[in-house]
């Protein structure tokens, strides 16, 4: 049962077919319905446009579209029962908890409170390109309020830092002092590799393109802990 009869409204980005984003993507205001007792309401603060998002829209990703029915908001001048059948887009982002259902459990890594930052690791029928979503706490990692972090810092944690983490741990067993060589080291994933390797005692050899801002890239990467660029 919902915690109350007040329906949440969200503005979100959708597609119902594959193609060029400029041709197939649209924005709609939808009714989320009342918040279920076992879920939390999240206002999305920042959502990245990851290359995988573009591939998903264009059909180049193994992630299929998940076309389901969404009720349009009455503010769209829609009739009471008007719906769209579409996929809400966005694969990663960070939000803030604004409401907690009376029977909502813990997040993946701890208790939830209104105002906490959360990173969804599964969006269910929703996507990150929405102003508000409803999710189960079991799909969320919580970050308690900390003046040292902000939404921009956390926005791409879901994909990029997870990729770097798994690359360093899954491919080869590394010991402190071992060297890791990586291409595209000034990418977001590459920068996470440098920082994690530095924390774990691995050395990094980082290959990047010789561009106009090469020296700045080298300086920035050294500050992150790169050994050789």
Protein backbone atom coordinates (compact mmCIF):
# COMPACT_ATOMS: atom_id res chain seq x y z
CA UNK A 1 0.00 0.00 0.00
CA UNK A 2 1.19 3.57 -0.65
CA UNK A 3 2.11 5.80 2.26
CA UNK A 4 -0.45 8.40 1.13
CA UNK A 5 -2.69 9.22 -1.78
CA UNK A 6 -0.62 12.13 -3.08
CA UNK A 7 0.89 11.26 -6.46
CA UNK A 8 4.45 12.24 -7.30
CA UNK A 9 5.10 13.91 -10.65
CA UNK A 10 8.34 13.76 -12.63
CA UNK A 11 9.74 15.14 -15.85
CA UNK A 12 11.79 12.52 -17.66
CA UNK A 13 13.47 11.66 -20.96
CA UNK A 14 12.12 8.75 -23.00
CA UNK A 15 12.48 6.78 -26.20
CA UNK A 16 10.22 4.07 -27.56
CA UNK A 17 12.34 3.16 -30.57
CA UNK A 18 15.96 2.92 -31.64
CA UNK A 19 17.56 5.65 -33.73
CA UNK A 20 19.39 8.95 -33.65
CA UNK A 21 18.83 10.64 -30.28
CA UNK A 22 17.74 13.86 -31.98
CA UNK A 23 15.00 11.93 -33.79
CA UNK A 24 13.65 9.47 -31.22
CA UNK A 25 14.13 11.05 -27.78
CA UNK A 26 11.32 13.03 -26.15
CA UNK A 27 10.54 14.64 -22.78
CA UNK A 28 7.30 14.04 -20.87
CA UNK A 29 5.86 14.90 -17.49
CA UNK A 30 4.46 11.74 -15.90
CA UNK A 31 2.57 10.62 -12.81
CA UNK A 32 4.65 8.33 -10.61
CA UNK A 33 1.73 7.59 -8.35
CA UNK A 34 1.82 7.54 -4.53
CA UNK A 35 5.05 6.28 -2.96
CA UNK A 36 4.81 2.56 -2.06
CA UNK A 37 5.50 1.73 1.59
CA UNK A 38 8.61 -0.32 0.75
CA UNK A 39 10.26 2.28 -1.50
CA UNK A 40 11.89 5.71 -1.27
CA UNK A 41 11.34 8.82 -3.37
CA UNK A 42 14.51 10.27 -4.85
CA UNK A 43 15.06 13.64 -6.48
CA UNK A 44 17.80 13.15 -9.07
CA UNK A 45 20.48 15.84 -8.68
CA UNK A 46 22.91 14.95 -11.47
CA UNK A 47 22.85 12.40 -14.28
CA UNK A 48 25.65 11.76 -16.72
CA UNK A 49 25.36 11.21 -20.46
CA UNK A 50 27.48 8.08 -20.67
CA UNK A 51 28.52 6.71 -24.09
CA UNK A 52 26.49 3.61 -23.20
CA UNK A 53 23.38 5.81 -23.02
CA UNK A 54 23.92 6.88 -26.63
CA UNK A 55 24.60 3.31 -27.71
CA UNK A 56 21.40 2.17 -25.99
CA UNK A 57 19.33 4.74 -27.87
CA UNK A 58 20.97 3.93 -31.20
CA UNK A 59 20.79 0.15 -30.78
CA UNK A 60 24.52 -0.47 -30.38
CA UNK A 61 24.30 -1.73 -26.80
CA UNK A 62 23.28 -5.16 -25.51
CA UNK A 63 21.00 -3.30 -23.07
CA UNK A 64 17.52 -3.56 -24.68
CA UNK A 65 14.79 -0.96 -24.51
CA UNK A 66 12.28 -1.61 -21.75
CA UNK A 67 9.09 -0.12 -23.16
CA UNK A 68 6.39 0.00 -20.49
CA UNK A 69 3.36 2.16 -19.79
CA UNK A 70 3.69 5.51 -18.00
CA UNK A 71 0.73 7.72 -17.12
CA UNK A 72 1.05 11.26 -18.42
CA UNK A 73 0.57 14.12 -15.99
CA UNK A 74 -2.59 16.16 -16.30
CA UNK A 75 -0.35 19.20 -16.69
CA UNK A 76 0.39 17.84 -20.17
CA UNK A 77 -3.29 18.56 -20.97
CA UNK A 78 -3.69 14.80 -21.23
CA UNK A 79 -6.88 12.95 -20.52
CA UNK A 80 -7.10 11.14 -17.20
CA UNK A 81 -6.08 7.78 -18.65
CA UNK A 82 -3.61 8.91 -21.32
CA UNK A 83 -0.33 6.97 -21.26
CA UNK A 84 2.87 6.52 -23.21
CA UNK A 85 4.59 3.19 -23.78
CA UNK A 86 8.28 3.97 -23.70
CA UNK A 87 11.66 3.50 -21.99
CA UNK A 88 12.85 6.03 -19.42
CA UNK A 89 16.49 6.75 -20.20
CA UNK A 90 19.63 7.26 -18.12
CA UNK A 91 21.97 4.61 -16.73
CA UNK A 92 23.74 6.44 -13.92
CA UNK A 93 23.39 9.40 -11.63
CA UNK A 94 23.04 10.55 -8.04
CA UNK A 95 19.97 11.68 -6.16
CA UNK A 96 18.78 12.81 -2.75
CA UNK A 97 16.22 10.97 -0.63
CA UNK A 98 13.11 13.14 -0.16
CA UNK A 99 10.58 10.62 1.19
CA UNK A 100 10.87 7.20 2.81
CA UNK A 101 8.11 4.60 2.80
CA UNK A 102 6.97 3.36 6.20
CA UNK A 103 8.14 -0.19 5.42
CA UNK A 104 11.32 0.68 3.51
CA UNK A 105 14.35 -1.40 4.50
CA UNK A 106 18.05 -0.55 4.56
CA UNK A 107 20.07 0.48 1.52
CA UNK A 108 22.83 -1.83 0.28
CA UNK A 109 25.33 -0.31 2.71
CA UNK A 110 23.27 1.07 5.57
CA UNK A 111 20.29 3.02 6.87
CA UNK A 112 18.57 5.75 4.88
CA UNK A 113 17.51 9.20 6.03
CA UNK A 114 15.82 12.06 4.21
CA UNK A 115 18.56 14.22 2.71
CA UNK A 116 21.03 11.38 2.08
CA UNK A 117 22.79 11.13 -1.27
CA UNK A 118 22.01 7.83 -3.00
CA UNK A 119 23.39 6.13 -6.10
CA UNK A 120 21.00 3.68 -7.78
CA UNK A 121 22.69 0.49 -8.98
CA UNK A 122 19.44 -0.70 -10.54
CA UNK A 123 16.69 1.57 -11.84
CA UNK A 124 13.94 -0.97 -12.43
CA UNK A 125 11.40 0.65 -14.76
CA UNK A 126 12.94 4.09 -14.22
CA UNK A 127 16.07 5.84 -15.49
CA UNK A 128 18.40 8.52 -14.18
CA UNK A 129 17.23 11.15 -16.68
CA UNK A 130 14.25 12.03 -14.52
CA UNK A 131 13.59 14.67 -11.90
CA UNK A 132 12.16 12.11 -9.46
CA UNK A 133 12.04 8.31 -9.19
CA UNK A 134 10.76 5.67 -6.76
CA UNK A 135 13.12 2.79 -5.94
CA UNK A 136 13.62 -0.01 -3.45
CA UNK A 137 16.38 0.67 -0.87
CA UNK A 138 17.98 -2.64 -1.90
CA UNK A 139 18.90 -0.96 -5.22
CA UNK A 140 20.67 1.97 -3.55
CA UNK A 141 24.08 2.81 -2.13
CA UNK A 142 23.83 5.61 0.42
CA UNK A 143 26.34 8.42 1.03
CA UNK A 144 25.78 10.40 4.20
CA UNK A 145 25.96 14.18 3.95
CA UNK A 146 29.58 15.28 3.80
CA UNK A 147 30.81 18.75 2.86
CA UNK A 148 33.76 17.15 1.05
CA UNK A 149 31.58 15.55 -1.63
CA UNK A 150 28.88 16.85 -3.94
CA UNK A 151 26.56 15.50 -6.60
CA UNK A 152 29.06 16.08 -9.41
CA UNK A 153 31.64 13.96 -7.59
CA UNK A 154 29.21 11.05 -7.26
CA UNK A 155 27.42 11.29 -10.61
CA UNK A 156 29.44 8.69 -12.54
CA UNK A 157 30.37 6.34 -9.69
CA UNK A 158 28.00 3.64 -10.91
CA UNK A 159 29.75 2.86 -14.20
CA UNK A 160 33.21 4.43 -14.31
CA UNK A 161 34.63 3.70 -10.88
CA UNK A 162 33.03 0.26 -10.85
CA UNK A 163 34.73 -0.49 -14.17
CA UNK A 164 38.11 0.64 -12.82
CA UNK A 165 37.61 -1.37 -9.63
CA UNK A 166 36.80 -4.58 -11.51
CA UNK A 167 39.62 -4.09 -14.04
CA UNK A 168 42.19 -3.94 -11.26
CA UNK A 169 40.79 -6.86 -9.26
CA UNK A 170 39.42 -9.33 -11.83
CA UNK A 171 41.90 -9.59 -14.71
CA UNK A 172 45.10 -10.43 -12.84
CA UNK A 173 46.01 -10.79 -9.18
CA UNK A 174 48.16 -7.77 -8.40
CA UNK A 175 50.49 -7.21 -5.48
CA UNK A 176 51.80 -3.97 -4.03
CA UNK A 177 54.54 -2.63 -6.29
CA UNK A 178 53.21 -4.28 -9.47
CA UNK A 179 52.84 -2.08 -12.56
CA UNK A 180 49.62 -1.54 -14.48
CA UNK A 181 49.80 -0.20 -18.05
CA UNK A 182 46.69 1.48 -19.41
CA UNK A 183 45.66 3.29 -22.61
CA UNK A 184 43.28 6.23 -22.54
CA UNK A 185 44.53 7.00 -19.07
CA UNK A 186 43.08 10.53 -19.03
CA UNK A 187 39.54 9.19 -19.43
CA UNK A 188 37.22 9.06 -16.44
CA UNK A 189 37.83 5.33 -15.99
CA UNK A 190 41.58 5.85 -16.40
CA UNK A 191 41.66 8.48 -13.68
CA UNK A 192 39.82 6.15 -11.32
CA UNK A 193 42.33 3.40 -12.15
CA UNK A 194 45.17 5.74 -11.15
CA UNK A 195 43.56 6.66 -7.84
CA UNK A 196 42.59 3.11 -6.86
CA UNK A 197 46.01 1.78 -7.86
CA UNK A 198 47.63 4.46 -5.74
CA UNK A 199 45.49 3.49 -2.73
CA UNK A 200 46.29 -0.20 -3.15
CA UNK A 201 50.02 0.29 -3.74
CA UNK A 202 50.12 -0.52 -7.47
CA UNK A 203 52.22 1.53 -9.90
CA UNK A 204 50.73 2.91 -13.11
CA UNK A 205 52.15 3.54 -16.57
CA UNK A 206 49.65 5.75 -18.34
CA UNK A 207 49.43 6.24 -22.10
CA UNK A 208 47.59 9.26 -23.52
CA UNK A 209 47.46 11.13 -26.82
CA UNK A 210 49.96 13.88 -27.56
CA UNK A 211 47.53 16.81 -27.71
CA UNK A 212 47.75 20.56 -27.17
CA UNK A 213 46.89 20.13 -23.49
CA UNK A 214 49.30 17.22 -23.01
CA UNK A 215 51.34 18.90 -20.27
CA UNK A 216 48.22 19.84 -18.32
CA UNK A 217 46.95 16.26 -18.60
CA UNK A 218 50.28 14.98 -17.30
CA UNK A 219 50.20 17.42 -14.38
CA UNK A 220 46.60 16.56 -13.49
CA UNK A 221 47.28 12.82 -13.61
CA UNK A 222 50.41 13.14 -11.49
CA UNK A 223 48.31 14.91 -8.85
CA UNK A 224 46.00 11.89 -8.83
CA UNK A 225 48.93 9.56 -8.18
CA UNK A 226 50.13 8.52 -11.65
CA UNK A 227 53.70 7.20 -11.66
CA UNK A 228 54.58 7.43 -15.36
CA UNK A 229 52.66 9.29 -18.08
